């Protein structure tokens, strides 16, 4: 489907306080991730994936951690990128946050089979 209207979808619950919805083509995925369980006392565990990633901080404040890079405190309007297979994570600092992630290729594990 080429259009997704936010008032017509029910976001997927990833875990308590974390919701996601997304749109994708053959080679690109954009995911909107909402956090309403902050602030966190510690970051999520590091993870990595083969996908290239860019992220826009649409709301809230986070700390972005990326292997080999200095930790970055980010707020609304900031962006970050993650190369393929590089370990990274975040820590939510505000009560809520919204991140807009783009991935290439598509994160197949996000799709319901």
C-alpha atoms as a PDB file:
ATOM      1  CA  UNK A   1       0.000   0.000   0.000  1.00  0.00           C
ATOM      2  CA  UNK A   2       1.571   3.340  -1.017  1.00  0.00           C
ATOM      3  CA  UNK A   3      -0.170   5.448   1.681  1.00  0.00           C
ATOM      4  CA  UNK A   4      -0.561   4.833   5.398  1.00  0.00           C
ATOM      5  CA  UNK A   5      -2.662   7.307   7.380  1.00  0.00           C
ATOM      6  CA  UNK A   6      -1.761   7.460  11.054  1.00  0.00           C
ATOM      7  CA  UNK A   7      -5.385   7.766  12.161  1.00  0.00           C
ATOM      8  CA  UNK A   8      -6.303   4.570  10.271  1.00  0.00           C
ATOM      9  CA  UNK A   9      -3.686   2.175  11.634  1.00  0.00           C
ATOM     10  CA  UNK A  10      -3.036   0.426  14.899  1.00  0.00           C
ATOM     11  CA  UNK A  11       0.685   0.519  15.699  1.00  0.00           C
ATOM     12  CA  UNK A  12       2.394  -2.761  16.539  1.00  0.00           C
ATOM     13  CA  UNK A  13       3.262  -3.133  20.223  1.00  0.00           C
ATOM     14  CA  UNK A  14       6.935  -4.080  20.443  1.00  0.00           C
ATOM     15  CA  UNK A  15       6.822  -4.171  24.251  1.00  0.00           C
ATOM     16  CA  UNK A  16       5.131  -2.102  26.946  1.00  0.00           C
ATOM     17  CA  UNK A  17       5.673   1.556  26.104  1.00  0.00           C
ATOM     18  CA  UNK A  18       7.159   0.957  22.626  1.00  0.00           C
ATOM     19  CA  UNK A  19       5.028   1.017  19.453  1.00  0.00           C
ATOM     20  CA  UNK A  20       5.943   0.876  15.766  1.00  0.00           C
ATOM     21  CA  UNK A  21       4.367   1.288  12.364  1.00  0.00           C
ATOM     22  CA  UNK A  22       6.119   1.348   9.018  1.00  0.00           C
ATOM     23  CA  UNK A  23       5.922   1.549   5.254  1.00  0.00           C
ATOM     24  CA  UNK A  24       8.222  -0.117   2.738  1.00  0.00           C
ATOM     25  CA  UNK A  25       9.081  -0.651  -0.898  1.00  0.00           C
ATOM     26  CA  UNK A  26      11.240  -3.387  -2.428  1.00  0.00           C
ATOM     27  CA  UNK A  27      14.464  -1.819  -1.122  1.00  0.00           C
ATOM     28  CA  UNK A  28      13.590   0.771   1.546  1.00  0.00           C
ATOM     29  CA  UNK A  29      11.711   0.794   4.842  1.00  0.00           C
ATOM     30  CA  UNK A  30      10.683   3.722   7.044  1.00  0.00           C
ATOM     31  CA  UNK A  31       9.581   2.918  10.590  1.00  0.00           C
ATOM     32  CA  UNK A  32       8.021   5.261  13.139  1.00  0.00           C
ATOM     33  CA  UNK A  33       8.847   4.145  16.678  1.00  0.00           C
ATOM     34  CA  UNK A  34       7.110   5.742  19.643  1.00  0.00           C
ATOM     35  CA  UNK A  35       8.438   5.397  23.187  1.00  0.00           C
ATOM     36  CA  UNK A  36       6.199   6.417  26.090  1.00  0.00           C
ATOM     37  CA  UNK A  37       8.039   4.564  28.846  1.00  0.00           C
ATOM     38  CA  UNK A  38      10.892   6.970  29.546  1.00  0.00           C
ATOM     39  CA  UNK A  39      13.097   8.107  30.910  1.00  0.00           C
ATOM     40  CA  UNK A  40      15.218   4.951  30.997  1.00  0.00           C
ATOM     41  CA  UNK A  41      17.828   4.393  33.703  1.00  0.00           C
ATOM     42  CA  UNK A  42      20.080   2.603  31.224  1.00  0.00           C
ATOM     43  CA  UNK A  43      20.350   1.998  27.461  1.00  0.00           C
ATOM     44  CA  UNK A  44      18.903  -0.968  25.633  1.00  0.00           C
ATOM     45  CA  UNK A  45      21.401  -3.760  24.846  1.00  0.00           C
ATOM     46  CA  UNK A  46      23.613  -3.119  21.822  1.00  0.00           C
ATOM     47  CA  UNK A  47      22.494  -4.743  18.578  1.00  0.00           C
ATOM     48  CA  UNK A  48      23.529  -4.768  14.936  1.00  0.00           C
ATOM     49  CA  UNK A  49      22.055  -5.717  11.571  1.00  0.00           C
ATOM     50  CA  UNK A  50      23.113  -5.846   7.942  1.00  0.00           C
ATOM     51  CA  UNK A  51      20.822  -2.934   7.107  1.00  0.00           C
ATOM     52  CA  UNK A  52      22.064   0.611   6.680  1.00  0.00           C
ATOM     53  CA  UNK A  53      20.050   2.904   8.950  1.00  0.00           C
ATOM     54  CA  UNK A  54      19.313   6.592   9.273  1.00  0.00           C
ATOM     55  CA  UNK A  55      17.225   7.998  12.116  1.00  0.00           C
ATOM     56  CA  UNK A  56      15.487  11.321  12.676  1.00  0.00           C
ATOM     57  CA  UNK A  57      14.602  12.300  16.249  1.00  0.00           C
ATOM     58  CA  UNK A  58      11.081  13.662  15.766  1.00  0.00           C
ATOM     59  CA  UNK A  59      10.276  14.103  19.483  1.00  0.00           C
ATOM     60  CA  UNK A  60      12.041  13.772  22.816  1.00  0.00           C
ATOM     61  CA  UNK A  61      15.649  13.320  23.862  1.00  0.00           C
ATOM     62  CA  UNK A  62      17.883  10.260  23.643  1.00  0.00           C
ATOM     63  CA  UNK A  63      21.493   9.217  23.939  1.00  0.00           C
ATOM     64  CA  UNK A  64      22.788   7.464  20.821  1.00  0.00           C
ATOM     65  CA  UNK A  65      25.564   4.922  21.351  1.00  0.00           C
ATOM     66  CA  UNK A  66      27.533   3.553  18.389  1.00  0.00           C
ATOM     67  CA  UNK A  67      30.602   1.330  18.559  1.00  0.00           C
ATOM     68  CA  UNK A  68      33.823   3.298  18.086  1.00  0.00           C
ATOM     69  CA  UNK A  69      32.055   6.678  18.310  1.00  0.00           C
ATOM     70  CA  UNK A  70      31.505   9.111  21.204  1.00  0.00           C
ATOM     71  CA  UNK A  71      28.070   8.929  22.863  1.00  0.00           C
ATOM     72  CA  UNK A  72      25.739  11.609  21.515  1.00  0.00           C
ATOM     73  CA  UNK A  73      22.879  13.307  23.378  1.00  0.00           C
ATOM     74  CA  UNK A  74      20.267  14.047  20.709  1.00  0.00           C
ATOM     75  CA  UNK A  75      17.005  16.000  20.715  1.00  0.00           C
ATOM     76  CA  UNK A  76      14.124  16.817  18.381  1.00  0.00           C
ATOM     77  CA  UNK A  77      15.436  17.668  14.926  1.00  0.00           C
ATOM     78  CA  UNK A  78      18.716  15.725  15.229  1.00  0.00           C
ATOM     79  CA  UNK A  79      19.678  12.794  13.004  1.00  0.00           C
ATOM     80  CA  UNK A  80      22.089   9.857  13.122  1.00  0.00           C
ATOM     81  CA  UNK A  81      23.221   7.102  10.781  1.00  0.00           C
ATOM     82  CA  UNK A  82      24.447   3.565  11.353  1.00  0.00           C
ATOM     83  CA  UNK A  83      26.509   1.606   8.822  1.00  0.00           C
ATOM     84  CA  UNK A  84      25.813  -2.049   8.148  1.00  0.00           C
ATOM     85  CA  UNK A  85      26.839  -4.429  10.978  1.00  0.00           C
ATOM     86  CA  UNK A  86      27.908  -1.675  13.419  1.00  0.00           C
ATOM     87  CA  UNK A  87      26.790  -2.176  17.046  1.00  0.00           C
ATOM     88  CA  UNK A  88      24.487   0.574  18.320  1.00  0.00           C
ATOM     89  CA  UNK A  89      21.701   1.375  20.768  1.00  0.00           C
ATOM     90  CA  UNK A  90      19.786   4.215  22.414  1.00  0.00           C
ATOM     91  CA  UNK A  91      18.698   5.381  25.842  1.00  0.00           C
ATOM     92  CA  UNK A  92      15.511   7.432  26.108  1.00  0.00           C
ATOM     93  CA  UNK A  93      16.022  10.461  28.375  1.00  0.00           C
ATOM     94  CA  UNK A  94      12.593  12.106  28.122  1.00  0.00           C
ATOM     95  CA  UNK A  95       9.168  10.814  29.175  1.00  0.00           C
ATOM     96  CA  UNK A  96       8.399  10.059  25.523  1.00  0.00           C
ATOM     97  CA  UNK A  97      10.252  10.039  22.214  1.00  0.00           C
ATOM     98  CA  UNK A  98       9.537   9.413  18.540  1.00  0.00           C
ATOM     99  CA  UNK A  99      12.195   8.130  16.156  1.00  0.00           C
ATOM    100  CA  UNK A 100      11.822   7.855  12.374  1.00  0.00           C
ATOM    101  CA  UNK A 101      14.097   5.050  11.132  1.00  0.00           C
ATOM    102  CA  UNK A 102      14.918   4.335   7.490  1.00  0.00           C
ATOM    103  CA  UNK A 103      16.491   1.011   6.500  1.00  0.00           C
ATOM    104  CA  UNK A 104      18.038  -0.403   3.360  1.00  0.00           C
ATOM    105  CA  UNK A 105      17.339  -3.176   2.582  1.00  0.00           C
ATOM    106  CA  UNK A 106      13.909  -3.784   4.109  1.00  0.00           C
ATOM    107  CA  UNK A 107      13.901  -5.299   7.614  1.00  0.00           C
ATOM    108  CA  UNK A 108      12.165  -8.541   6.665  1.00  0.00           C
ATOM    109  CA  UNK A 109      11.879  -9.541  10.339  1.00  0.00           C
ATOM    110  CA  UNK A 110       9.502  -6.583  10.872  1.00  0.00           C
ATOM    111  CA  UNK A 111       7.013  -8.036   8.371  1.00  0.00           C
ATOM    112  CA  UNK A 112       4.366 -10.408   9.630  1.00  0.00           C
ATOM    113  CA  UNK A 113       4.437 -13.677   7.759  1.00  0.00           C
END
